[in-house]
Amino acid sequence: MPLHSLISASLIGILLLVESSSAFSPPSSSASSSFASRSSTQTSSLNAFQWPTLDLPWATPDTTKQTGIIIGERNGIDPNYPWRFEGRFIFRPSLVRVPSDRERLPPNTNLLSLFGYSLGGSVVLEYDVSPVGPYREYVVMGGVVGLGRVNLGDDDRTYERKLGLGQWGADLFVTTQIAEEVCKQVWGVPAQVADIDLIEDGGVLRDGPDEVIGRGMKPKFTLSGWNEARVLTSNNGDSSIKRYGNIPIFWTPTIKALWAPISLPGSGSSDASPQQQKELLPVHKLRLSASALRLKWCERIQQASSAGEIPIGLALVVDNVLIEIGERVTSGTL
């Protein structure tokens, strides 16, 4: 696959947000005004590239007692999407070197690359409200993936299908312990608590420096110029502001990947075995809407942790985003 096609295919789903909207503008380094918070009865917060389905029958007593938060709270508006997240995020694309260690590659899918590089980068998210409270998230994007093998069956039978094209998140960092617990206990997704500093000033978005130290040490990520991510002003940041999109996306949480909503034939239905259940990926439906989208200049502070990365110099900024999460997809709901 030519490199330009690889890049275009990865961005096409995100750029669909401009459909029916005039919120897209060319790159700008001008500062944006701060964005007023939303009414909790109408909106919620975002948890993207680890966007969870929080069906937690086991709600941990200790966690609930410490935080006052019911982890599995269903705060969705649409019954078909019982969980919702709201906030803002940036996607900073880069060409990244494909891992040489096969253990680092995502299972049950194919990592697409050209000359040893794929399209990755980073996603930085700020959640105003979520089922586990406000928090921040930093996702290291590992590359473009294709032909993910998913299971649309139940406990007794597997029903294999394949997803066409997606974006894989290699590493996930969150700012609260309860968010880490949800990632690990609900989907078995490796997540790590980190310090994520969003500095409002800076004039231009700047990703870095990172401080990913050793095992057992708390990583730290810094992004300055975060005021550039607040596209909406206080004047139009009221609860009646319109969102555009309702873009459907598939999500495979165990490998932190988002997919174009297209499924392809797989091996079909068969009796379930523990090994088959382990091999295939669970999949959920996700719906994405937002009020504003911009392309802005974004610098990457190069350091040892970003070796082999070729920044593109731009970031996709999305404000007042609403992520709605559905239950696990089965053959009857696809």
C-alpha atoms as a PDB file:
ATOM      1  CA  MET A   1       0.000   0.000   0.000  1.00  0.00           C
ATOM      2  CA  PRO A   2       1.500   3.418  -0.988  1.00  0.00           C
ATOM      3  CA  LEU A   3       2.382   5.612   1.973  1.00  0.00           C
ATOM      4  CA  HIS A   4       0.015   8.426   0.979  1.00  0.00           C
ATOM      5  CA  SER A   5      -2.844   5.937   0.774  1.00  0.00           C
ATOM      6  CA  LEU A   6      -1.939   4.632   4.232  1.00  0.00           C
ATOM      7  CA  ILE A   7      -2.135   8.134   5.677  1.00  0.00           C
ATOM      8  CA  SER A   8      -5.332   9.053   3.846  1.00  0.00           C
ATOM      9  CA  ALA A   9      -7.098   5.873   4.912  1.00  0.00           C
ATOM     10  CA  SER A  10      -6.264   6.480   8.557  1.00  0.00           C
ATOM     11  CA  LEU A  11      -7.499  10.060   8.607  1.00  0.00           C
ATOM     12  CA  ILE A  12     -10.634   9.681   6.506  1.00  0.00           C
ATOM     13  CA  GLY A  13     -12.819   8.495   9.372  1.00  0.00           C
ATOM     14  CA  ILE A  14     -11.800  11.393  11.591  1.00  0.00           C
ATOM     15  CA  LEU A  15     -12.183  13.999   8.860  1.00  0.00           C
ATOM     16  CA  LEU A  16     -15.784  12.871   8.333  1.00  0.00           C
ATOM     17  CA  LEU A  17     -16.569  15.023  11.351  1.00  0.00           C
ATOM     18  CA  VAL A  18     -16.661  18.053   9.061  1.00  0.00           C
ATOM     19  CA  GLU A  19     -19.700  16.648   7.278  1.00  0.00           C
ATOM     20  CA  SER A  20     -22.632  19.055   7.590  1.00  0.00           C
ATOM     21  CA  SER A  21     -20.428  21.405   9.587  1.00  0.00           C
ATOM     22  CA  SER A  22     -18.583  24.634   8.904  1.00  0.00           C
ATOM     23  CA  ALA A  23     -16.257  24.080  11.854  1.00  0.00           C
ATOM     24  CA  PHE A  24     -13.148  23.222   9.773  1.00  0.00           C
ATOM     25  CA  SER A  25     -10.464  25.784   9.157  1.00  0.00           C
ATOM     26  CA  PRO A  26      -6.858  25.725   7.876  1.00  0.00           C
ATOM     27  CA  PRO A  27      -3.924  25.548  10.321  1.00  0.00           C
ATOM     28  CA  SER A  28      -3.797  28.436  12.749  1.00  0.00           C
ATOM     29  CA  SER A  29      -1.549  29.224  15.683  1.00  0.00           C
ATOM     30  CA  SER A  30      -3.854  31.835  17.195  1.00  0.00           C
ATOM     31  CA  ALA A  31      -5.004  31.201  20.740  1.00  0.00           C
ATOM     32  CA  SER A  32      -8.605  30.176  21.338  1.00  0.00           C
ATOM     33  CA  SER A  33     -10.788  31.373  24.194  1.00  0.00           C
ATOM     34  CA  SER A  34     -11.566  29.061  27.077  1.00  0.00           C
ATOM     35  CA  PHE A  35     -14.488  26.710  26.756  1.00  0.00           C
ATOM     36  CA  ALA A  36     -17.308  26.764  29.299  1.00  0.00           C
ATOM     37  CA  SER A  37     -18.273  23.461  30.896  1.00  0.00           C
ATOM     38  CA  ARG A  38     -21.430  21.616  29.832  1.00  0.00           C
ATOM     39  CA  SER A  39     -24.566  20.690  31.744  1.00  0.00           C
ATOM     40  CA  SER A  40     -24.111  17.221  33.191  1.00  0.00           C
ATOM     41  CA  THR A  41     -27.683  16.335  32.243  1.00  0.00           C
ATOM     42  CA  GLN A  42     -26.931  16.679  28.559  1.00  0.00           C
ATOM     43  CA  THR A  43     -23.281  15.819  28.189  1.00  0.00           C
ATOM     44  CA  SER A  44     -20.409  13.756  29.456  1.00  0.00           C
ATOM     45  CA  SER A  45     -16.723  13.135  28.897  1.00  0.00           C
ATOM     46  CA  LEU A  46     -14.536  11.428  26.378  1.00  0.00           C
ATOM     47  CA  ASN A  47     -12.360   8.364  26.721  1.00  0.00           C
ATOM     48  CA  ALA A  48     -11.050   7.810  23.209  1.00  0.00           C
ATOM     49  CA  PHE A  49      -8.595   5.050  21.836  1.00  0.00           C
ATOM     50  CA  GLN A  50      -9.503   3.388  25.201  1.00  0.00           C
ATOM     51  CA  TRP A  51     -13.173   4.201  25.047  1.00  0.00           C
ATOM     52  CA  PRO A  52     -14.725   1.802  27.556  1.00  0.00           C
ATOM     53  CA  THR A  53     -17.894  -0.205  27.775  1.00  0.00           C
ATOM     54  CA  LEU A  54     -18.445  -0.142  31.499  1.00  0.00           C
ATOM     55  CA  ASP A  55     -20.625  -3.168  32.165  1.00  0.00           C
ATOM     56  CA  LEU A  56     -19.355  -3.880  35.651  1.00  0.00           C
ATOM     57  CA  PRO A  57     -21.449  -6.271  37.722  1.00  0.00           C
ATOM     58  CA  TRP A  58     -18.612  -6.553  40.200  1.00  0.00           C
ATOM     59  CA  ALA A  59     -18.289  -2.822  41.125  1.00  0.00           C
ATOM     60  CA  THR A  60     -15.298  -2.829  43.461  1.00  0.00           C
ATOM     61  CA  PRO A  61     -16.385  -1.826  47.002  1.00  0.00           C
ATOM     62  CA  ASP A  62     -13.048  -0.285  47.974  1.00  0.00           C
ATOM     63  CA  THR A  63     -12.919   1.906  44.866  1.00  0.00           C
ATOM     64  CA  THR A  64     -16.499   3.063  45.280  1.00  0.00           C
ATOM     65  CA  LYS A  65     -15.938   3.862  48.940  1.00  0.00           C
ATOM     66  CA  GLN A  66     -12.805   5.907  48.229  1.00  0.00           C
ATOM     67  CA  THR A  67     -14.122   7.922  45.302  1.00  0.00           C
ATOM     68  CA  GLY A  68     -17.904   7.954  45.688  1.00  0.00           C
ATOM     69  CA  ILE A  69     -18.114   6.882  42.031  1.00  0.00           C
ATOM     70  CA  ILE A  70     -20.068   3.869  40.798  1.00  0.00           C
ATOM     71  CA  ILE A  71     -17.741   2.577  38.087  1.00  0.00           C
ATOM     72  CA  GLY A  72     -20.463   0.972  35.994  1.00  0.00           C
ATOM     73  CA  GLU A  73     -22.798   3.966  36.013  1.00  0.00           C
ATOM     74  CA  ARG A  74     -24.770   4.172  32.789  1.00  0.00           C
ATOM     75  CA  ASN A  75     -24.914   7.840  31.891  1.00  0.00           C
ATOM     76  CA  GLY A  76     -25.930   7.577  28.224  1.00  0.00           C
ATOM     77  CA  ILE A  77     -28.821   9.398  26.575  1.00  0.00           C
ATOM     78  CA  ASP A  78     -29.545   6.767  23.901  1.00  0.00           C
ATOM     79  CA  PRO A  79     -30.399   3.295  25.318  1.00  0.00           C
ATOM     80  CA  ASN A  80     -28.428   1.744  22.448  1.00  0.00           C
ATOM     81  CA  TYR A  81     -25.335   3.587  23.709  1.00  0.00           C
ATOM     82  CA  PRO A  82     -25.527   3.354  27.509  1.00  0.00           C
ATOM     83  CA  TRP A  83     -22.224   5.121  28.241  1.00  0.00           C
ATOM     84  CA  ARG A  84     -21.028   8.514  27.110  1.00  0.00           C
ATOM     85  CA  PHE A  85     -17.900  10.641  27.452  1.00  0.00           C
ATOM     86  CA  GLU A  86     -17.378  14.281  26.590  1.00  0.00           C
ATOM     87  CA  GLY A  87     -14.490  16.705  26.378  1.00  0.00           C
ATOM     88  CA  ARG A  88     -11.847  17.605  23.830  1.00  0.00           C
ATOM     89  CA  PHE A  89      -8.851  15.930  22.264  1.00  0.00           C
ATOM     90  CA  ILE A  90      -6.039  16.360  19.782  1.00  0.00           C
ATOM     91  CA  PHE A  91      -4.611  13.768  17.405  1.00  0.00           C
ATOM     92  CA  ARG A  92      -1.006  14.473  16.429  1.00  0.00           C
ATOM     93  CA  PRO A  93      -0.085  12.141  13.538  1.00  0.00           C
ATOM     94  CA  SER A  94       3.489  11.007  12.965  1.00  0.00           C
ATOM     95  CA  LEU A  95       5.258   8.381  10.936  1.00  0.00           C
ATOM     96  CA  VAL A  96       6.472   5.834  13.479  1.00  0.00           C
ATOM     97  CA  ARG A  97       8.855   2.938  13.184  1.00  0.00           C
ATOM     98  CA  VAL A  98       7.193  -0.478  13.333  1.00  0.00           C
ATOM     99  CA  PRO A  99       8.237  -2.452  16.454  1.00  0.00           C
ATOM    100  CA  SER A 100      10.889  -5.077  15.733  1.00  0.00           C
ATOM    101  CA  ASP A 101       9.765  -7.139  18.728  1.00  0.00           C
ATOM    102  CA  ARG A 102       6.843  -9.316  17.664  1.00  0.00           C
ATOM    103  CA  GLU A 103       5.589  -9.295  21.252  1.00  0.00           C
ATOM    104  CA  ARG A 104       4.869  -5.593  20.824  1.00  0.00           C
ATOM    105  CA  LEU A 105       2.610  -6.145  17.795  1.00  0.00           C
ATOM    106  CA  PRO A 106      -1.195  -6.240  18.249  1.00  0.00           C
ATOM    107  CA  PRO A 107      -2.676  -9.759  18.112  1.00  0.00           C
ATOM    108  CA  ASN A 108      -5.362 -10.950  15.687  1.00  0.00           C
ATOM    109  CA  THR A 109      -4.710  -8.207  13.163  1.00  0.00           C
ATOM    110  CA  ASN A 110      -2.064  -7.031  10.695  1.00  0.00           C
ATOM    111  CA  LEU A 111       0.084  -3.949  11.248  1.00  0.00           C
ATOM    112  CA  LEU A 112       0.364  -2.123   7.909  1.00  0.00           C
ATOM    113  CA  SER A 113       3.663  -0.463   7.091  1.00  0.00           C
ATOM    114  CA  LEU A 114       5.873   0.774   4.275  1.00  0.00           C
ATOM    115  CA  PHE A 115       9.669   0.691   4.514  1.00  0.00           C
ATOM    116  CA  GLY A 116       9.369  -0.087   8.207  1.00  0.00           C
ATOM    117  CA  TYR A 117       7.059   2.847   9.069  1.00  0.00           C
ATOM    118  CA  SER A 118       3.356   3.202   9.788  1.00  0.00           C
ATOM    119  CA  LEU A 119       1.067   6.118  10.691  1.00  0.00           C
ATOM    120  CA  GLY A 120       0.938   6.608  14.457  1.00  0.00           C
ATOM    121  CA  GLY A 121       1.571   9.579  16.737  1.00  0.00           C
ATOM    122  CA  SER A 122      -0.265  10.521  19.920  1.00  0.00           C
ATOM    123  CA  VAL A 123      -3.740  11.366  21.160  1.00  0.00           C
ATOM    124  CA  VAL A 124      -4.169  13.675  24.160  1.00  0.00           C
ATOM    125  CA  LEU A 125      -7.605  13.841  25.750  1.00  0.00           C
ATOM    126  CA  GLU A 126      -9.250  15.887  28.471  1.00  0.00           C
ATOM    127  CA  TYR A 127     -12.472  14.452  29.878  1.00  0.00           C
ATOM    128  CA  ASP A 128     -14.746  16.885  31.680  1.00  0.00           C
ATOM    129  CA  VAL A 129     -17.183  14.171  32.792  1.00  0.00           C
ATOM    130  CA  SER A 130     -17.162  10.395  32.528  1.00  0.00           C
ATOM    131  CA  PRO A 131     -18.627   7.417  34.388  1.00  0.00           C
ATOM    132  CA  VAL A 132     -15.435   7.456  36.472  1.00  0.00           C
ATOM    133  CA  GLY A 133     -15.111  11.225  36.866  1.00  0.00           C
ATOM    134  CA  PRO A 134     -12.892  13.803  35.125  1.00  0.00           C
ATOM    135  CA  TYR A 135      -9.460  12.661  34.023  1.00  0.00           C
ATOM    136  CA  ARG A 136      -6.871  12.998  31.270  1.00  0.00           C
ATOM    137  CA  GLU A 137      -5.474  10.434  28.888  1.00  0.00           C
ATOM    138  CA  TYR A 138      -2.399  10.069  26.701  1.00  0.00           C
ATOM    139  CA  VAL A 139      -2.346   7.376  24.007  1.00  0.00           C
ATOM    140  CA  VAL A 140       0.758   6.410  22.050  1.00  0.00           C
ATOM    141  CA  MET A 141      -0.549   5.410  18.622  1.00  0.00           C
ATOM    142  CA  GLY A 142       1.327   2.425  17.210  1.00  0.00           C
ATOM    143  CA  GLY A 143       0.173   2.382  13.589  1.00  0.00           C
ATOM    144  CA  VAL A 144      -2.484   1.435  11.054  1.00  0.00           C
ATOM    145  CA  VAL A 145      -3.948  -2.076  11.265  1.00  0.00           C
ATOM    146  CA  GLY A 146      -6.078  -4.171   8.956  1.00  0.00           C
ATOM    147  CA  LEU A 147      -8.204  -7.331   8.884  1.00  0.00           C
ATOM    148  CA  GLY A 148      -8.833  -7.582  12.612  1.00  0.00           C
ATOM    149  CA  ARG A 149     -10.422 -10.898  13.602  1.00  0.00           C
ATOM    150  CA  VAL A 150     -13.424 -10.261  15.868  1.00  0.00           C
ATOM    151  CA  ASN A 151     -15.908 -12.526  17.618  1.00  0.00           C
ATOM    152  CA  LEU A 152     -19.603 -11.723  17.178  1.00  0.00           C
ATOM    153  CA  GLY A 153     -20.734 -14.895  18.930  1.00  0.00           C
ATOM    154  CA  ASP A 154     -21.646 -15.687  22.535  1.00  0.00           C
ATOM    155  CA  ASP A 155     -20.267 -17.941  25.255  1.00  0.00           C
ATOM    156  CA  ASP A 156     -21.339 -21.131  23.456  1.00  0.00           C
ATOM    157  CA  ARG A 157     -20.408 -20.339  19.858  1.00  0.00           C
ATOM    158  CA  THR A 158     -17.965 -18.098  18.075  1.00  0.00           C
ATOM    159  CA  TYR A 159     -18.891 -16.134  14.993  1.00  0.00           C
ATOM    160  CA  GLU A 160     -15.815 -14.709  13.304  1.00  0.00           C
ATOM    161  CA  ARG A 161     -15.848 -11.608  11.139  1.00  0.00           C
ATOM    162  CA  LYS A 162     -13.051  -9.292  10.051  1.00  0.00           C
ATOM    163  CA  LEU A 163     -12.747  -5.524  10.325  1.00  0.00           C
ATOM    164  CA  GLY A 164     -11.138  -3.701   7.426  1.00  0.00           C
ATOM    165  CA  LEU A 165      -8.960  -0.778   8.516  1.00  0.00           C
ATOM    166  CA  GLY A 166      -8.217   0.754  11.891  1.00  0.00           C
ATOM    167  CA  GLN A 167      -5.780   2.641  14.107  1.00  0.00           C
ATOM    168  CA  TRP A 168      -3.980   0.830  16.923  1.00  0.00           C
ATOM    169  CA  GLY A 169      -3.095   2.380  20.278  1.00  0.00           C
ATOM    170  CA  ALA A 170       0.150   0.851  21.562  1.00  0.00           C
ATOM    171  CA  ASP A 171       0.267   2.351  25.079  1.00  0.00           C
ATOM    172  CA  LEU A 172      -2.367   3.987  27.261  1.00  0.00           C
ATOM    173  CA  PHE A 173      -1.799   6.328  30.206  1.00  0.00           C
ATOM    174  CA  VAL A 174      -4.463   7.833  32.484  1.00  0.00           C
ATOM    175  CA  THR A 175      -4.343  10.280  35.386  1.00  0.00           C
ATOM    176  CA  THR A 176      -6.547   8.518  37.953  1.00  0.00           C
ATOM    177  CA  GLN A 177      -6.330   5.162  39.676  1.00  0.00           C
ATOM    178  CA  ILE A 178     -10.008   4.394  39.097  1.00  0.00           C
ATOM    179  CA  ALA A 179      -9.589   4.895  35.325  1.00  0.00           C
ATOM    180  CA  GLU A 180      -6.662   2.455  35.364  1.00  0.00           C
ATOM    181  CA  GLU A 181      -8.735  -0.107  37.267  1.00  0.00           C
ATOM    182  CA  VAL A 182     -11.567   0.136  34.744  1.00  0.00           C
ATOM    183  CA  CYS A 183      -9.161  -0.423  31.842  1.00  0.00           C
ATOM    184  CA  LYS A 184      -7.586  -3.486  33.402  1.00  0.00           C
ATOM    185  CA  GLN A 185     -10.531  -5.158  35.107  1.00  0.00           C
ATOM    186  CA  VAL A 186     -13.214  -4.617  32.471  1.00  0.00           C
ATOM    187  CA  TRP A 187     -11.282  -5.276  29.253  1.00  0.00           C
ATOM    188  CA  GLY A 188      -7.898  -6.542  30.379  1.00  0.00           C
ATOM    189  CA  VAL A 189      -6.273  -3.560  28.706  1.00  0.00           C
ATOM    190  CA  PRO A 190      -2.824  -2.613  30.015  1.00  0.00           C
ATOM    191  CA  ALA A 191      -3.081   0.938  31.347  1.00  0.00           C
ATOM    192  CA  GLN A 192      -0.789   2.918  33.584  1.00  0.00           C
ATOM    193  CA  VAL A 193      -1.304   5.917  35.826  1.00  0.00           C
ATOM    194  CA  ALA A 194       0.778   8.904  34.737  1.00  0.00           C
ATOM    195  CA  ASP A 195       1.049  12.638  35.266  1.00  0.00           C
ATOM    196  CA  ILE A 196      -0.364  14.436  32.223  1.00  0.00           C
ATOM    197  CA  ASP A 197       0.198  18.185  32.375  1.00  0.00           C
ATOM    198  CA  LEU A 198      -1.870  20.350  30.030  1.00  0.00           C
ATOM    199  CA  ILE A 199      -0.354  23.835  30.078  1.00  0.00           C
ATOM    200  CA  GLU A 200      -2.762  26.456  28.729  1.00  0.00           C
ATOM    201  CA  ASP A 201      -0.141  28.974  27.563  1.00  0.00           C
ATOM    202  CA  GLY A 202       2.404  28.405  24.847  1.00  0.00           C
ATOM    203  CA  GLY A 203       1.115  30.068  21.677  1.00  0.00           C
ATOM    204  CA  VAL A 204       1.299  26.826  19.691  1.00  0.00           C
ATOM    205  CA  LEU A 205       0.552  23.215  20.550  1.00  0.00           C
ATOM    206  CA  ARG A 206       3.706  21.437  21.669  1.00  0.00           C
ATOM    207  CA  ASP A 207       3.805  17.721  22.571  1.00  0.00           C
ATOM    208  CA  GLY A 208       6.611  16.993  25.035  1.00  0.00           C
ATOM    209  CA  PRO A 209       8.860  16.561  26.767  1.00  0.00           C
ATOM    210  CA  ASP A 210       7.955  13.074  27.990  1.00  0.00           C
ATOM    211  CA  GLU A 211       9.406  11.449  31.072  1.00  0.00           C
ATOM    212  CA  VAL A 212       8.810   7.739  30.632  1.00  0.00           C
ATOM    213  CA  ILE A 213      11.299   6.496  33.203  1.00  0.00           C
ATOM    214  CA  GLY A 214      11.773   2.867  34.255  1.00  0.00           C
ATOM    215  CA  ARG A 215       9.506   0.073  35.385  1.00  0.00           C
ATOM    216  CA  GLY A 216       7.584   1.000  38.513  1.00  0.00           C
ATOM    217  CA  MET A 217       8.194   4.707  38.005  1.00  0.00           C
ATOM    218  CA  LYS A 218       5.334   7.098  37.246  1.00  0.00           C
ATOM    219  CA  PRO A 219       5.600   8.493  33.689  1.00  0.00           C
ATOM    220  CA  LYS A 220       4.950  12.140  32.941  1.00  0.00           C
ATOM    221  CA  PHE A 221       3.665  13.748  29.735  1.00  0.00           C
ATOM    222  CA  THR A 222       3.480  17.470  29.042  1.00  0.00           C
ATOM    223  CA  LEU A 223       1.536  19.293  26.367  1.00  0.00           C
ATOM    224  CA  SER A 224       1.712  23.091  26.201  1.00  0.00           C
ATOM    225  CA  GLY A 225      -0.479  25.502  24.282  1.00  0.00           C
ATOM    226  CA  TRP A 226      -3.594  23.585  25.381  1.00  0.00           C
ATOM    227  CA  ASN A 227      -5.659  26.752  24.946  1.00  0.00           C
ATOM    228  CA  GLU A 228      -5.392  25.953  21.221  1.00  0.00           C
ATOM    229  CA  ALA A 229      -7.497  22.849  21.883  1.00  0.00           C
ATOM    230  CA  ARG A 230     -10.320  24.990  23.313  1.00  0.00           C
ATOM    231  CA  VAL A 231     -11.844  25.963  19.982  1.00  0.00           C
ATOM    232  CA  LEU A 232     -15.204  27.058  21.357  1.00  0.00           C
ATOM    233  CA  THR A 233     -15.485  30.425  23.085  1.00  0.00           C
ATOM    234  CA  SER A 234     -17.372  31.170  26.274  1.00  0.00           C
ATOM    235  CA  ASN A 235     -20.043  32.928  24.188  1.00  0.00           C
ATOM    236  CA  ASN A 236     -20.977  29.876  22.150  1.00  0.00           C
ATOM    237  CA  GLY A 237     -20.040  27.327  24.803  1.00  0.00           C
ATOM    238  CA  ASP A 238     -23.524  26.923  26.260  1.00  0.00           C
ATOM    239  CA  SER A 239     -25.498  23.717  26.659  1.00  0.00           C
ATOM    240  CA  SER A 240     -27.522  24.342  23.484  1.00  0.00           C
ATOM    241  CA  ILE A 241     -24.537  24.260  21.100  1.00  0.00           C
ATOM    242  CA  LYS A 242     -25.077  21.846  18.245  1.00  0.00           C
ATOM    243  CA  ARG A 243     -22.974  18.776  17.559  1.00  0.00           C
ATOM    244  CA  TYR A 244     -22.413  17.274  14.139  1.00  0.00           C
ATOM    245  CA  GLY A 245     -21.528  13.803  13.017  1.00  0.00           C
ATOM    246  CA  ASN A 246     -23.046  10.766  14.747  1.00  0.00           C
ATOM    247  CA  ILE A 247     -20.225   8.915  12.970  1.00  0.00           C
ATOM    248  CA  PRO A 248     -20.346   5.140  13.626  1.00  0.00           C
ATOM    249  CA  ILE A 249     -17.049   3.453  14.504  1.00  0.00           C
ATOM    250  CA  PHE A 250     -16.064  -0.009  15.710  1.00  0.00           C
ATOM    251  CA  TRP A 251     -13.833  -0.374  18.766  1.00  0.00           C
ATOM    252  CA  THR A 252     -11.779  -3.387  19.892  1.00  0.00           C
ATOM    253  CA  PRO A 253     -10.784  -2.438  23.444  1.00  0.00           C
ATOM    254  CA  THR A 254      -8.351  -5.254  24.139  1.00  0.00           C
ATOM    255  CA  ILE A 255      -5.932  -3.846  21.554  1.00  0.00           C
ATOM    256  CA  LYS A 256      -7.100  -0.222  21.905  1.00  0.00           C
ATOM    257  CA  ALA A 257      -8.002   0.074  18.208  1.00  0.00           C
ATOM    258  CA  LEU A 258     -10.663   2.089  16.378  1.00  0.00           C
ATOM    259  CA  TRP A 259     -11.998   0.768  13.065  1.00  0.00           C
ATOM    260  CA  ALA A 260     -13.960   1.957  10.074  1.00  0.00           C
ATOM    261  CA  PRO A 261     -17.528   0.576  10.429  1.00  0.00           C
ATOM    262  CA  ILE A 262     -17.104  -2.093   7.761  1.00  0.00           C
ATOM    263  CA  SER A 263     -17.040  -5.818   8.524  1.00  0.00           C
ATOM    264  CA  LEU A 264     -15.848  -8.513   6.151  1.00  0.00           C
ATOM    265  CA  PRO A 265     -16.605 -12.246   6.059  1.00  0.00           C
ATOM    266  CA  GLY A 266     -14.559 -14.456   8.373  1.00  0.00           C
ATOM    267  CA  SER A 267     -14.639 -18.162   9.157  1.00  0.00           C
ATOM    268  CA  GLY A 268     -18.258 -17.888  10.313  1.00  0.00           C
ATOM    269  CA  SER A 269     -19.913 -19.756  13.169  1.00  0.00           C
ATOM    270  CA  SER A 270     -18.364 -22.631  15.119  1.00  0.00           C
ATOM    271  CA  ASP A 271     -18.462 -24.217  18.560  1.00  0.00           C
ATOM    272  CA  ALA A 272     -16.607 -22.063  21.045  1.00  0.00           C
ATOM    273  CA  SER A 273     -13.439 -23.301  22.688  1.00  0.00           C
ATOM    274  CA  PRO A 274     -11.376 -21.411  25.283  1.00  0.00           C
ATOM    275  CA  GLN A 275      -8.584 -21.010  22.751  1.00  0.00           C
ATOM    276  CA  GLN A 276     -10.913 -19.609  20.076  1.00  0.00           C
ATOM    277  CA  GLN A 277     -12.480 -17.218  22.566  1.00  0.00           C
ATOM    278  CA  LYS A 278      -8.994 -16.026  23.476  1.00  0.00           C
ATOM    279  CA  GLU A 279      -7.850 -15.591  19.875  1.00  0.00           C
ATOM    280  CA  LEU A 280     -10.732 -13.450  18.611  1.00  0.00           C
ATOM    281  CA  LEU A 281     -11.264  -9.806  19.573  1.00  0.00           C
ATOM    282  CA  PRO A 282     -14.451  -8.517  21.239  1.00  0.00           C
ATOM    283  CA  VAL A 283     -15.930  -5.529  19.406  1.00  0.00           C
ATOM    284  CA  HIS A 284     -18.206  -2.656  20.436  1.00  0.00           C
ATOM    285  CA  LYS A 285     -20.064   0.036  18.558  1.00  0.00           C
ATOM    286  CA  LEU A 286     -19.093   3.630  19.152  1.00  0.00           C
ATOM    287  CA  ARG A 287     -20.716   6.855  17.941  1.00  0.00           C
ATOM    288  CA  LEU A 288     -18.788  10.091  17.572  1.00  0.00           C
ATOM    289  CA  SER A 289     -20.123  13.672  17.402  1.00  0.00           C
ATOM    290  CA  ALA A 290     -18.483  17.064  17.929  1.00  0.00           C
ATOM    291  CA  SER A 291     -19.142  20.790  17.662  1.00  0.00           C
ATOM    292  CA  ALA A 292     -15.821  22.038  16.317  1.00  0.00           C
ATOM    293  CA  LEU A 293     -12.862  20.654  14.429  1.00  0.00           C
ATOM    294  CA  ARG A 294      -9.638  22.384  13.388  1.00  0.00           C
ATOM    295  CA  LEU A 295      -6.216  21.643  11.961  1.00  0.00           C
ATOM    296  CA  LYS A 296      -3.489  23.424  13.927  1.00  0.00           C
ATOM    297  CA  TRP A 297       0.274  23.489  13.955  1.00  0.00           C
ATOM    298  CA  CYS A 298       1.769  21.173  16.546  1.00  0.00           C
ATOM    299  CA  GLU A 299       5.407  20.698  17.458  1.00  0.00           C
ATOM    300  CA  ARG A 300       6.919  17.503  18.815  1.00  0.00           C
ATOM    301  CA  ILE A 301       9.768  17.770  21.295  1.00  0.00           C
ATOM    302  CA  GLN A 302      12.214  15.166  20.033  1.00  0.00           C
ATOM    303  CA  GLN A 303      13.950  13.053  22.652  1.00  0.00           C
ATOM    304  CA  ALA A 304      15.045   9.488  23.337  1.00  0.00           C
ATOM    305  CA  SER A 305      11.474   8.272  23.855  1.00  0.00           C
ATOM    306  CA  SER A 306      10.468   9.544  20.391  1.00  0.00           C
ATOM    307  CA  ALA A 307      13.410   8.025  18.494  1.00  0.00           C
ATOM    308  CA  GLY A 308      12.390   6.807  15.054  1.00  0.00           C
ATOM    309  CA  GLU A 309       9.377   9.146  14.933  1.00  0.00           C
ATOM    310  CA  ILE A 310       8.887  11.583  12.058  1.00  0.00           C
ATOM    311  CA  PRO A 311       6.374  14.291  13.106  1.00  0.00           C
ATOM    312  CA  ILE A 312       4.070  15.726  10.444  1.00  0.00           C
ATOM    313  CA  GLY A 313       3.782  19.078  12.256  1.00  0.00           C
ATOM    314  CA  LEU A 314      -0.013  19.258  12.456  1.00  0.00           C
ATOM    315  CA  ALA A 315      -2.691  18.198  14.910  1.00  0.00           C
ATOM    316  CA  LEU A 316      -6.392  17.534  14.500  1.00  0.00           C
ATOM    317  CA  VAL A 317      -8.200  19.419  17.297  1.00  0.00           C
ATOM    318  CA  VAL A 318     -11.751  18.370  18.244  1.00  0.00           C
ATOM    319  CA  ASP A 319     -13.801  20.280  20.842  1.00  0.00           C
ATOM    320  CA  ASN A 320     -17.105  19.492  22.589  1.00  0.00           C
ATOM    321  CA  VAL A 321     -16.819  15.897  21.442  1.00  0.00           C
ATOM    322  CA  LEU A 322     -19.379  13.310  22.497  1.00  0.00           C
ATOM    323  CA  ILE A 323     -18.393   9.655  22.484  1.00  0.00           C
ATOM    324  CA  GLU A 324     -21.240   7.166  22.933  1.00  0.00           C
ATOM    325  CA  ILE A 325     -20.410   3.545  23.689  1.00  0.00           C
ATOM    326  CA  GLY A 326     -22.603   0.535  22.936  1.00  0.00           C
ATOM    327  CA  GLU A 327     -22.661  -2.985  24.334  1.00  0.00           C
ATOM    328  CA  ARG A 328     -20.460  -5.708  22.901  1.00  0.00           C
ATOM    329  CA  VAL A 329     -21.543  -6.459  19.331  1.00  0.00           C
ATOM    330  CA  THR A 330     -22.921  -9.888  18.476  1.00  0.00           C
ATOM    331  CA  SER A 331     -24.097 -11.273  15.136  1.00  0.00           C
ATOM    332  CA  GLY A 332     -27.610 -10.142  15.983  1.00  0.00           C
ATOM    333  CA  THR A 333     -26.671  -6.500  16.556  1.00  0.00           C
ATOM    334  CA  LEU A 334     -24.072  -5.869  13.851  1.00  0.00           C
END
